C-alpha cells in the first residue's frame, strides 16, 4: 500500500503538487485550477504543460495577505 504524501511544511522552498496545495489551503484542486486560469490564486511553478507545483512560501504569503480581523476589514490599511 502506498504511503500518503504530506506537504513539507518546514521548507519554505519545497515544491508540492496541486493535491497537497489544495489540502493545505483546505480547498478543492478544481478551485486551484480555476484560479490558475482566471488569476487571483497563489503563485505557482509551471514545470511543464501538465506539471504544476506550488512553493510553500507562496502559499503562506498568499494566505497571509488574505488574513482579516473582521468581515468589514478590506485589508487596505495593512
Protein backbone atom coordinates (compact mmCIF):
# COMPACT_ATOMS: atom_id res chain seq x y z
CA UNK A 1 0.00 0.00 0.00
CA UNK A 2 1.27 3.43 -0.96
CA UNK A 3 2.06 5.78 1.91
CA UNK A 4 0.07 9.05 1.73
CA UNK A 5 2.08 12.15 0.91
CA UNK A 6 2.06 15.13 3.24
CA UNK A 7 3.19 18.68 2.48
CA UNK A 8 6.69 19.61 3.63
CA UNK A 9 5.75 22.48 5.91
CA UNK A 10 9.22 23.11 7.31
CA UNK A 11 10.88 24.04 3.99
CA UNK A 12 9.59 27.29 2.51
CA UNK A 13 11.10 26.42 -0.88
CA UNK A 14 9.60 22.94 -1.01
CA UNK A 15 7.61 22.28 -4.16
CA UNK A 16 4.33 20.47 -3.57
CA UNK A 17 1.77 19.22 -6.05
CA UNK A 18 -1.73 20.51 -6.61
CA UNK A 19 -3.36 17.94 -4.33
CA UNK A 20 -1.13 18.80 -1.38
CA UNK A 21 -1.52 22.54 -2.01
CA UNK A 22 -5.29 22.21 -2.07
CA UNK A 23 -5.24 20.17 1.15
CA UNK A 24 -3.02 22.78 2.81
CA UNK A 25 -5.41 25.59 1.79
CA UNK A 26 -8.50 23.43 2.53
CA UNK A 27 -9.94 23.97 -0.94
CA UNK A 28 -10.55 21.69 -3.88
CA UNK A 29 -7.95 21.05 -6.58
CA UNK A 30 -10.57 22.31 -9.06
CA UNK A 31 -10.55 25.70 -7.31
CA UNK A 32 -6.76 25.94 -7.70
CA UNK A 33 -7.08 25.11 -11.40
CA UNK A 34 -9.73 27.82 -11.82
CA UNK A 35 -7.53 30.36 -10.04
CA UNK A 36 -4.58 29.50 -12.29
CA UNK A 37 -6.74 30.11 -15.35
CA UNK A 38 -8.53 33.24 -14.13
CA UNK A 39 -5.92 34.67 -11.78
CA UNK A 40 -6.26 35.56 -8.14
CA UNK A 41 -4.77 32.41 -6.63
CA UNK A 42 -1.34 31.74 -5.20
CA UNK A 43 1.73 31.86 -7.41
CA UNK A 44 2.72 28.54 -8.95
CA UNK A 45 5.63 26.92 -10.77
CA UNK A 46 4.92 25.55 -14.23
CA UNK A 47 7.42 22.73 -14.71
CA UNK A 48 5.73 21.57 -17.93
CA UNK A 49 2.28 21.74 -19.53
CA UNK A 50 0.98 19.03 -17.18
CA UNK A 51 3.25 19.52 -14.19
CA UNK A 52 2.29 22.33 -11.82
CA UNK A 53 3.86 22.81 -8.40
CA UNK A 54 3.42 25.28 -5.57
CA UNK A 55 6.12 26.59 -3.25
CA UNK A 56 5.15 26.56 0.40
CA UNK A 57 6.35 30.15 0.80
CA UNK A 58 3.95 31.29 -1.94
CA UNK A 59 1.02 29.52 -0.28
CA UNK A 60 1.92 31.06 3.08
CA UNK A 61 2.34 34.54 1.60
CA UNK A 62 -0.91 34.29 -0.35
CA UNK A 63 -2.90 33.17 2.68
CA UNK A 64 -1.26 35.78 4.95
CA UNK A 65 -2.34 38.56 2.58
CA UNK A 66 -5.94 37.40 3.00
CA UNK A 67 -5.96 37.46 6.79
CA UNK A 68 -8.57 39.85 8.15
CA UNK A 69 -9.73 40.92 11.61
CA UNK A 70 -13.42 41.24 10.70
CA UNK A 71 -15.76 40.91 7.73
CA UNK A 72 -15.63 44.69 7.25
CA UNK A 73 -11.80 44.69 7.12
CA UNK A 74 -10.89 45.34 3.48
CA UNK A 75 -7.20 44.83 4.11
CA UNK A 76 -6.29 48.17 2.54
CA UNK A 77 -4.51 49.73 5.52
CA UNK A 78 -2.41 46.69 6.38
